[in-house]
C-alpha atoms as a PDB file:
ATOM      1  CA  MET A   1     -25.666 -29.165  32.112  1.00  0.00           C
ATOM      2  CA  LYS A   2     -24.817 -25.503  32.581  1.00  0.00           C
ATOM      3  CA  SER A   3     -26.344 -22.521  30.862  1.00  0.00           C
ATOM      4  CA  GLU A   4     -24.355 -19.586  29.558  1.00  0.00           C
ATOM      5  CA  HIS A   5     -23.185 -16.969  32.037  1.00  0.00           C
ATOM      6  CA  GLN A   6     -23.100 -13.374  30.867  1.00  0.00           C
ATOM      7  CA  ALA A   7     -23.526 -14.522  27.289  1.00  0.00           C
ATOM      8  CA  PRO A   8     -22.937 -11.882  24.654  1.00  0.00           C
ATOM      9  CA  ASN A   9     -25.748  -9.995  23.008  1.00  0.00           C
ATOM     10  CA  GLU A  10     -25.386  -7.082  20.655  1.00  0.00           C
ATOM     11  CA  THR A  11     -24.749  -3.744  22.310  1.00  0.00           C
ATOM     12  CA  GLY A  12     -27.845  -1.576  22.239  1.00  0.00           C
ATOM     13  CA  PHE A  13     -29.995   0.872  24.096  1.00  0.00           C
ATOM     14  CA  ILE A  14     -32.412   0.984  26.994  1.00  0.00           C
ATOM     15  CA  TYR A  15     -34.910   3.800  26.692  1.00  0.00           C
ATOM     16  CA  GLY A  16     -37.918   5.274  28.447  1.00  0.00           C
ATOM     17  CA  HIS A  17     -38.045   6.923  31.875  1.00  0.00           C
ATOM     18  CA  TYR A  18     -38.958   3.968  34.110  1.00  0.00           C
ATOM     19  CA  ALA A  19     -36.857   1.384  32.282  1.00  0.00           C
ATOM     20  CA  SER A  20     -33.851   3.729  32.374  1.00  0.00           C
ATOM     21  CA  VAL A  21     -34.241   4.515  36.081  1.00  0.00           C
ATOM     22  CA  GLU A  22     -34.372   0.811  36.961  1.00  0.00           C
ATOM     23  CA  ALA A  23     -31.300   0.140  34.804  1.00  0.00           C
ATOM     24  CA  LEU A  24     -29.415   2.967  36.528  1.00  0.00           C
ATOM     25  CA  LYS A  25     -30.342   1.502  39.909  1.00  0.00           C
ATOM     26  CA  GLY A  26     -29.294  -1.997  38.844  1.00  0.00           C
ATOM     27  CA  THR A  27     -26.085  -3.708  37.814  1.00  0.00           C
ATOM     28  CA  GLN A  28     -26.387  -3.386  34.032  1.00  0.00           C
ATOM     29  CA  GLU A  29     -23.181  -1.925  32.547  1.00  0.00           C
ATOM     30  CA  ILE A  30     -24.024   1.489  31.050  1.00  0.00           C
ATOM     31  CA  ASN A  31     -21.747   3.405  28.717  1.00  0.00           C
ATOM     32  CA  LYS A  32     -23.556   6.728  28.277  1.00  0.00           C
ATOM     33  CA  VAL A  33     -26.773   8.538  29.167  1.00  0.00           C
ATOM     34  CA  TRP A  34     -28.572  10.543  26.490  1.00  0.00           C
ATOM     35  CA  LEU A  35     -31.047  13.222  27.617  1.00  0.00           C
ATOM     36  CA  GLN A  36     -33.290  15.137  25.269  1.00  0.00           C
ATOM     37  CA  THR A  37     -32.678  18.871  25.147  1.00  0.00           C
ATOM     38  CA  GLY A  38     -35.498  20.665  26.984  1.00  0.00           C
ATOM     39  CA  LEU A  39     -36.588  17.531  28.865  1.00  0.00           C
ATOM     40  CA  GLN A  40     -39.035  18.198  31.706  1.00  0.00           C
ATOM     41  CA  ASP A  41     -37.308  18.851  35.025  1.00  0.00           C
ATOM     42  CA  LYS A  42     -38.788  15.906  36.986  1.00  0.00           C
ATOM     43  CA  ILE A  43     -37.458  13.249  34.590  1.00  0.00           C
ATOM     44  CA  ARG A  44     -34.172  15.097  34.042  1.00  0.00           C
ATOM     45  CA  HIS A  45     -33.533  15.345  37.792  1.00  0.00           C
ATOM     46  CA  SER A  46     -34.202  11.672  38.600  1.00  0.00           C
ATOM     47  CA  VAL A  47     -32.050  10.379  35.740  1.00  0.00           C
ATOM     48  CA  THR A  48     -29.230  12.887  36.278  1.00  0.00           C
ATOM     49  CA  GLN A  49     -28.933  12.114  40.003  1.00  0.00           C
ATOM     50  CA  LEU A  50     -28.634   8.377  39.399  1.00  0.00           C
ATOM     51  CA  ALA A  51     -26.222   8.833  36.481  1.00  0.00           C
ATOM     52  CA  LYS A  52     -23.937  11.095  38.520  1.00  0.00           C
ATOM     53  CA  LYS A  53     -23.766   8.527  41.322  1.00  0.00           C
ATOM     54  CA  LYS A  54     -22.339   6.070  38.786  1.00  0.00           C
ATOM     55  CA  GLY A  55     -20.014   8.629  37.240  1.00  0.00           C
ATOM     56  CA  LEU A  56     -21.643   8.246  33.834  1.00  0.00           C
ATOM     57  CA  VAL A  57     -21.279  10.591  30.877  1.00  0.00           C
ATOM     58  CA  ILE A  58     -24.497  12.547  30.231  1.00  0.00           C
ATOM     59  CA  GLN A  59     -25.007  13.721  26.651  1.00  0.00           C
ATOM     60  CA  GLN A  60     -27.613  16.333  25.676  1.00  0.00           C
ATOM     61  CA  ALA A  61     -29.226  15.718  22.292  1.00  0.00           C
ATOM     62  CA  PRO A  62     -32.254  16.837  20.271  1.00  0.00           C
ATOM     63  CA  LYS A  63     -35.317  14.607  20.060  1.00  0.00           C
ATOM     64  CA  SER A  64     -34.426  13.681  16.477  1.00  0.00           C
ATOM     65  CA  LYS A  65     -31.159  12.090  17.657  1.00  0.00           C
ATOM     66  CA  LEU A  66     -32.932  10.010  20.315  1.00  0.00           C
ATOM     67  CA  ASP A  67     -35.561   8.987  17.761  1.00  0.00           C
ATOM     68  CA  GLU A  68     -32.731   7.749  15.556  1.00  0.00           C
ATOM     69  CA  LEU A  69     -31.037   5.814  18.367  1.00  0.00           C
ATOM     70  CA  THR A  70     -34.252   4.028  19.305  1.00  0.00           C
ATOM     71  CA  ASP A  71     -35.694   3.512  15.821  1.00  0.00           C
ATOM     72  CA  GLY A  72     -38.580   5.801  16.666  1.00  0.00           C
ATOM     73  CA  GLY A  73     -39.313   4.159  20.026  1.00  0.00           C
ATOM     74  CA  ASN A  74     -41.159   5.951  22.840  1.00  0.00           C
ATOM     75  CA  HIS A  75     -37.994   7.057  24.660  1.00  0.00           C
ATOM     76  CA  GLN A  76     -39.598   9.856  26.730  1.00  0.00           C
ATOM     77  CA  GLY A  77     -36.392  11.848  26.353  1.00  0.00           C
ATOM     78  CA  VAL A  78     -34.073   9.272  27.987  1.00  0.00           C
ATOM     79  CA  VAL A  79     -31.790   6.743  26.269  1.00  0.00           C
ATOM     80  CA  LEU A  80     -29.030   4.658  27.833  1.00  0.00           C
ATOM     81  CA  SER A  81     -26.231   3.212  25.729  1.00  0.00           C
ATOM     82  CA  VAL A  82     -25.648  -0.188  27.317  1.00  0.00           C
ATOM     83  CA  ALA A  83     -23.189  -3.037  27.057  1.00  0.00           C
ATOM     84  CA  SER A  84     -24.347  -6.594  26.440  1.00  0.00           C
ATOM     85  CA  PHE A  85     -27.217  -7.832  28.588  1.00  0.00           C
ATOM     86  CA  ASN A  86     -26.030 -10.320  31.172  1.00  0.00           C
ATOM     87  CA  TYR A  87     -27.587 -13.754  31.459  1.00  0.00           C
ATOM     88  CA  ALA A  88     -27.756 -15.766  34.665  1.00  0.00           C
ATOM     89  CA  THR A  89     -26.973 -19.457  35.141  1.00  0.00           C
ATOM     90  CA  ILE A  90     -29.375 -22.143  36.309  1.00  0.00           C
ATOM     91  CA  ASP A  91     -27.561 -22.077  39.641  1.00  0.00           C
ATOM     92  CA  ASP A  92     -28.212 -18.336  39.880  1.00  0.00           C
ATOM     93  CA  LEU A  93     -31.937 -19.003  39.622  1.00  0.00           C
ATOM     94  CA  PHE A  94     -31.805 -21.504  42.483  1.00  0.00           C
ATOM     95  CA  GLU A  95     -29.769 -19.022  44.520  1.00  0.00           C
ATOM     96  CA  ASN A  96     -32.394 -16.358  43.886  1.00  0.00           C
ATOM     97  CA  ALA A  97     -35.117 -18.624  45.245  1.00  0.00           C
ATOM     98  CA  LYS A  98     -32.948 -19.426  48.259  1.00  0.00           C
ATOM     99  CA  LYS A  99     -32.367 -15.717  48.869  1.00  0.00           C
ATOM    100  CA  HIS A 100     -36.129 -15.232  49.043  1.00  0.00           C
ATOM    101  CA  GLN A 101     -36.450 -18.262  51.360  1.00  0.00           C
ATOM    102  CA  ALA A 102     -38.886 -19.903  48.966  1.00  0.00           C
ATOM    103  CA  GLU A 103     -39.234 -23.039  46.897  1.00  0.00           C
ATOM    104  CA  PRO A 104     -38.142 -22.319  43.305  1.00  0.00           C
ATOM    105  CA  PHE A 105     -40.766 -20.958  40.917  1.00  0.00           C
ATOM    106  CA  PHE A 106     -39.295 -20.791  37.397  1.00  0.00           C
ATOM    107  CA  LEU A 107     -40.741 -19.892  34.024  1.00  0.00           C
ATOM    108  CA  ILE A 108     -39.569 -21.642  30.839  1.00  0.00           C
ATOM    109  CA  LEU A 109     -40.351 -19.910  27.539  1.00  0.00           C
ATOM    110  CA  ASP A 110     -40.337 -22.255  24.553  1.00  0.00           C
ATOM    111  CA  GLY A 111     -39.659 -20.166  21.466  1.00  0.00           C
ATOM    112  CA  ILE A 112     -41.277 -16.836  22.355  1.00  0.00           C
ATOM    113  CA  GLU A 113     -40.449 -14.655  19.346  1.00  0.00           C
ATOM    114  CA  ASP A 114     -42.125 -11.305  20.058  1.00  0.00           C
ATOM    115  CA  PRO A 115     -40.023  -8.942  22.230  1.00  0.00           C
ATOM    116  CA  HIS A 116     -43.219  -7.285  23.466  1.00  0.00           C
ATOM    117  CA  ASN A 117     -44.434 -10.644  24.783  1.00  0.00           C
ATOM    118  CA  LEU A 118     -41.125 -11.330  26.513  1.00  0.00           C
ATOM    119  CA  GLY A 119     -41.057  -7.858  28.062  1.00  0.00           C
ATOM    120  CA  SER A 120     -44.622  -8.216  29.328  1.00  0.00           C
ATOM    121  CA  ILE A 121     -43.923 -11.690  30.712  1.00  0.00           C
ATOM    122  CA  LEU A 122     -40.870 -10.404  32.595  1.00  0.00           C
ATOM    123  CA  ARG A 123     -42.986  -7.626  34.073  1.00  0.00           C
ATOM    124  CA  THR A 124     -45.577 -10.129  35.327  1.00  0.00           C
ATOM    125  CA  ALA A 125     -42.870 -12.512  36.538  1.00  0.00           C
ATOM    126  CA  ASP A 126     -41.329  -9.767  38.659  1.00  0.00           C
ATOM    127  CA  ALA A 127     -44.696  -8.736  40.102  1.00  0.00           C
ATOM    128  CA  ALA A 128     -45.618 -12.331  41.010  1.00  0.00           C
ATOM    129  CA  GLY A 129     -42.289 -13.361  42.527  1.00  0.00           C
ATOM    130  CA  VAL A 130     -41.020 -15.704  39.817  1.00  0.00           C
ATOM    131  CA  HIS A 131     -37.406 -16.541  40.694  1.00  0.00           C
ATOM    132  CA  GLY A 132     -36.093 -16.816  37.164  1.00  0.00           C
ATOM    133  CA  VAL A 133     -36.912 -17.194  33.485  1.00  0.00           C
ATOM    134  CA  ILE A 134     -35.309 -19.688  31.098  1.00  0.00           C
ATOM    135  CA  ILE A 135     -35.207 -19.070  27.339  1.00  0.00           C
ATOM    136  CA  PRO A 136     -33.623 -20.990  24.465  1.00  0.00           C
ATOM    137  CA  LYS A 137     -30.557 -19.614  22.712  1.00  0.00           C
ATOM    138  CA  ARG A 138     -31.982 -20.152  19.233  1.00  0.00           C
ATOM    139  CA  ARG A 139     -35.292 -19.489  17.477  1.00  0.00           C
ATOM    140  CA  ALA A 140     -36.500 -17.150  20.219  1.00  0.00           C
ATOM    141  CA  VAL A 141     -36.224 -13.488  21.135  1.00  0.00           C
ATOM    142  CA  GLN A 142     -33.275 -12.607  23.380  1.00  0.00           C
ATOM    143  CA  LEU A 143     -32.844  -9.727  25.821  1.00  0.00           C
ATOM    144  CA  THR A 144     -33.010  -6.539  23.774  1.00  0.00           C
ATOM    145  CA  ALA A 145     -33.664  -2.831  24.249  1.00  0.00           C
ATOM    146  CA  THR A 146     -37.313  -3.372  23.281  1.00  0.00           C
ATOM    147  CA  VAL A 147     -37.696  -6.143  25.852  1.00  0.00           C
ATOM    148  CA  ALA A 148     -36.131  -3.885  28.488  1.00  0.00           C
ATOM    149  CA  LYS A 149     -38.468  -1.024  27.571  1.00  0.00           C
ATOM    150  CA  ILE A 150     -41.639  -3.141  27.671  1.00  0.00           C
ATOM    151  CA  SER A 151     -40.602  -4.757  30.973  1.00  0.00           C
ATOM    152  CA  THR A 152     -40.478  -1.264  32.571  1.00  0.00           C
ATOM    153  CA  GLY A 153     -37.408  -2.232  34.574  1.00  0.00           C
ATOM    154  CA  ALA A 154     -38.359  -5.811  35.469  1.00  0.00           C
ATOM    155  CA  ILE A 155     -35.436  -7.008  33.337  1.00  0.00           C
ATOM    156  CA  GLU A 156     -33.176  -5.720  36.137  1.00  0.00           C
ATOM    157  CA  HIS A 157     -34.875  -7.855  38.797  1.00  0.00           C
ATOM    158  CA  VAL A 158     -35.765 -11.189  37.184  1.00  0.00           C
ATOM    159  CA  PRO A 159     -32.734 -13.369  36.324  1.00  0.00           C
ATOM    160  CA  VAL A 160     -32.893 -14.703  32.778  1.00  0.00           C
ATOM    161  CA  THR A 161     -30.992 -17.813  31.736  1.00  0.00           C
ATOM    162  CA  ARG A 162     -30.577 -18.856  28.130  1.00  0.00           C
ATOM    163  CA  VAL A 163     -29.739 -22.445  27.293  1.00  0.00           C
ATOM    164  CA  THR A 164     -28.832 -24.467  24.244  1.00  0.00           C
ATOM    165  CA  ASN A 165     -31.360 -27.268  24.786  1.00  0.00           C
ATOM    166  CA  LEU A 166     -34.623 -26.833  26.722  1.00  0.00           C
ATOM    167  CA  VAL A 167     -35.290 -30.580  26.844  1.00  0.00           C
ATOM    168  CA  ASN A 168     -31.986 -31.196  28.621  1.00  0.00           C
ATOM    169  CA  THR A 169     -32.617 -28.240  30.914  1.00  0.00           C
ATOM    170  CA  VAL A 170     -36.020 -29.598  31.933  1.00  0.00           C
ATOM    171  CA  SER A 171     -34.388 -32.956  32.694  1.00  0.00           C
ATOM    172  CA  GLU A 172     -31.875 -31.156  34.916  1.00  0.00           C
ATOM    173  CA  LEU A 173     -34.623 -29.247  36.730  1.00  0.00           C
ATOM    174  CA  LYS A 174     -36.545 -32.461  37.364  1.00  0.00           C
ATOM    175  CA  ASP A 175     -33.383 -34.107  38.686  1.00  0.00           C
ATOM    176  CA  ARG A 176     -33.075 -31.158  41.067  1.00  0.00           C
ATOM    177  CA  GLY A 177     -36.566 -31.695  42.425  1.00  0.00           C
ATOM    178  CA  LEU A 178     -38.834 -29.488  40.333  1.00  0.00           C
ATOM    179  CA  TRP A 179     -42.278 -30.485  39.132  1.00  0.00           C
ATOM    180  CA  VAL A 180     -42.710 -29.253  35.551  1.00  0.00           C
ATOM    181  CA  PHE A 181     -46.035 -28.045  34.141  1.00  0.00           C
ATOM    182  CA  GLY A 182     -46.901 -27.284  30.532  1.00  0.00           C
ATOM    183  CA  THR A 183     -49.824 -25.686  28.726  1.00  0.00           C
ATOM    184  CA  ASP A 184     -52.080 -27.434  26.233  1.00  0.00           C
ATOM    185  CA  MET A 185     -55.675 -27.445  24.991  1.00  0.00           C
ATOM    186  CA  ALA A 186     -56.103 -30.781  26.772  1.00  0.00           C
ATOM    187  CA  GLY A 187     -55.100 -30.534  30.392  1.00  0.00           C
ATOM    188  CA  GLU A 188     -56.223 -29.761  33.930  1.00  0.00           C
ATOM    189  CA  ASP A 189     -58.141 -26.510  34.416  1.00  0.00           C
ATOM    190  CA  TYR A 190     -55.469 -24.033  35.473  1.00  0.00           C
ATOM    191  CA  ARG A 191     -57.743 -22.697  38.234  1.00  0.00           C
ATOM    192  CA  HIS A 192     -57.139 -25.937  40.147  1.00  0.00           C
ATOM    193  CA  TRP A 193     -53.362 -25.759  39.751  1.00  0.00           C
ATOM    194  CA  ASP A 194     -51.390 -26.039  42.973  1.00  0.00           C
ATOM    195  CA  ALA A 195     -47.937 -24.554  42.371  1.00  0.00           C
ATOM    196  CA  THR A 196     -46.632 -24.975  45.900  1.00  0.00           C
ATOM    197  CA  GLY A 197     -43.278 -26.691  46.107  1.00  0.00           C
ATOM    198  CA  ALA A 198     -40.468 -26.463  43.576  1.00  0.00           C
ATOM    199  CA  THR A 199     -42.191 -25.666  40.289  1.00  0.00           C
ATOM    200  CA  ALA A 200     -41.427 -24.774  36.671  1.00  0.00           C
ATOM    201  CA  LEU A 201     -44.058 -23.597  34.190  1.00  0.00           C
ATOM    202  CA  ILE A 202     -43.547 -23.835  30.420  1.00  0.00           C
ATOM    203  CA  ILE A 203     -45.158 -21.264  28.108  1.00  0.00           C
ATOM    204  CA  GLY A 204     -45.110 -22.269  24.450  1.00  0.00           C
ATOM    205  CA  ASN A 205     -44.525 -20.416  21.206  1.00  0.00           C
ATOM    206  CA  GLU A 206     -47.167 -17.830  20.200  1.00  0.00           C
ATOM    207  CA  GLY A 207     -48.427 -19.977  17.330  1.00  0.00           C
ATOM    208  CA  LYS A 208     -47.090 -23.521  17.738  1.00  0.00           C
ATOM    209  CA  GLY A 209     -47.302 -23.972  21.487  1.00  0.00           C
ATOM    210  CA  ILE A 210     -44.857 -26.265  23.284  1.00  0.00           C
ATOM    211  CA  SER A 211     -42.603 -28.365  21.058  1.00  0.00           C
ATOM    212  CA  PRO A 212     -43.438 -32.116  20.914  1.00  0.00           C
ATOM    213  CA  LEU A 213     -40.132 -33.237  22.466  1.00  0.00           C
ATOM    214  CA  LEU A 214     -40.574 -30.836  25.381  1.00  0.00           C
ATOM    215  CA  LYS A 215     -44.161 -31.985  25.923  1.00  0.00           C
ATOM    216  CA  LYS A 216     -42.859 -35.488  26.589  1.00  0.00           C
ATOM    217  CA  LYS A 217     -40.842 -34.174  29.543  1.00  0.00           C
ATOM    218  CA  VAL A 218     -43.753 -32.384  31.240  1.00  0.00           C
ATOM    219  CA  ASP A 219     -45.203 -33.859  34.439  1.00  0.00           C
ATOM    220  CA  SER A 220     -48.664 -32.378  33.991  1.00  0.00           C
ATOM    221  CA  MET A 221     -50.544 -30.183  31.515  1.00  0.00           C
ATOM    222  CA  LEU A 222     -52.680 -27.139  32.288  1.00  0.00           C
ATOM    223  CA  THR A 223     -55.350 -25.545  30.142  1.00  0.00           C
ATOM    224  CA  ILE A 224     -57.138 -22.197  30.223  1.00  0.00           C
ATOM    225  CA  PRO A 225     -60.852 -22.780  29.550  1.00  0.00           C
ATOM    226  CA  MET A 226     -62.394 -20.473  26.940  1.00  0.00           C
ATOM    227  CA  ILE A 227     -66.028 -20.107  25.897  1.00  0.00           C
ATOM    228  CA  GLY A 228     -65.680 -17.343  23.296  1.00  0.00           C
ATOM    229  CA  HIS A 229     -65.254 -17.542  19.558  1.00  0.00           C
ATOM    230  CA  VAL A 230     -61.471 -17.047  19.710  1.00  0.00           C
ATOM    231  CA  GLN A 231     -59.887 -20.159  21.193  1.00  0.00           C
ATOM    232  CA  SER A 232     -56.415 -18.802  21.812  1.00  0.00           C
ATOM    233  CA  LEU A 233     -54.739 -16.124  23.890  1.00  0.00           C
ATOM    234  CA  ASN A 234     -51.704 -13.932  23.392  1.00  0.00           C
ATOM    235  CA  ALA A 235     -48.664 -15.638  24.963  1.00  0.00           C
ATOM    236  CA  SER A 236     -48.104 -12.881  27.526  1.00  0.00           C
ATOM    237  CA  VAL A 237     -51.792 -12.871  28.524  1.00  0.00           C
ATOM    238  CA  ALA A 238     -51.837 -16.656  28.960  1.00  0.00           C
ATOM    239  CA  ALA A 239     -48.579 -16.463  30.918  1.00  0.00           C
ATOM    240  CA  SER A 240     -50.027 -13.785  33.213  1.00  0.00           C
ATOM    241  CA  LEU A 241     -53.096 -15.875  34.053  1.00  0.00           C
ATOM    242  CA  LEU A 242     -51.010 -18.949  34.815  1.00  0.00           C
ATOM    243  CA  ILE A 243     -48.307 -17.092  36.740  1.00  0.00           C
ATOM    244  CA  TYR A 244     -50.883 -15.474  38.996  1.00  0.00           C
ATOM    245  CA  GLN A 245     -52.641 -18.769  39.619  1.00  0.00           C
ATOM    246  CA  GLY A 246     -49.224 -20.038  40.703  1.00  0.00           C
ATOM    247  CA  PHE A 247     -48.787 -16.966  42.882  1.00  0.00           C
ATOM    248  CA  SER A 248     -52.222 -17.439  44.465  1.00  0.00           C
ATOM    249  CA  SER A 249     -51.593 -21.057  45.375  1.00  0.00           C
ATOM    250  CA  ARG A 250     -48.175 -20.196  46.809  1.00  0.00           C
ATOM    251  CA  ASN A 251     -49.496 -17.176  48.725  1.00  0.00           C
ATOM    252  CA  PRO A 252     -52.985 -18.085  50.001  1.00  0.00           C
ATOM    253  CA  LEU A 253     -55.132 -15.432  51.641  1.00  0.00           C
END
């Protein structure tokens, strides 16, 4: 089963200084660069130099125009008009792990709906050396300008695959030698998790968790112990704790 390669997403914008710089350094197709009139010299210089290297059109505009383009987002005076975000294939994720001379460490997101959560998860995934992220095509947030902004450029470095059926994808990953872990209230304490070897970690929906059919495919469940009054964590926070436990076991002191 193959995932989509360079699947279409609506054309949009990447905005913010750091996210824009990383996009200009990366392979994302960019149509135009918008700079706010009177932008401070340090930001203007870094963006202009990178844009000129790519031969991109640079358009000066008042802050009100950039506010309009980004729906009032915190653009910091920089907006990139971008073509569709490109999606990797499952094979690309394995190639990325091979390039880093490491056993695969993938993240599977089951129905994450908040773009801020996805952006934050991508940022953590990049920092912790995750080789790729897998998302479903339907009933989940896709790669958007908001995700790119929140990821602060990580979207350019972590391959993201979107697939039609996560259950089938997990079966494929297991056939290719990965051990698949899920998250649940009843499971092994995540602090004992050993993520060495070829590993995939599933993070469930913000409210519903992992879907029942997907749970049946998991090799082992992990839980984050909590002693406070609130017995749940934001999806990106839970993902960060688990990802870094995986990182720690794969990179011992």
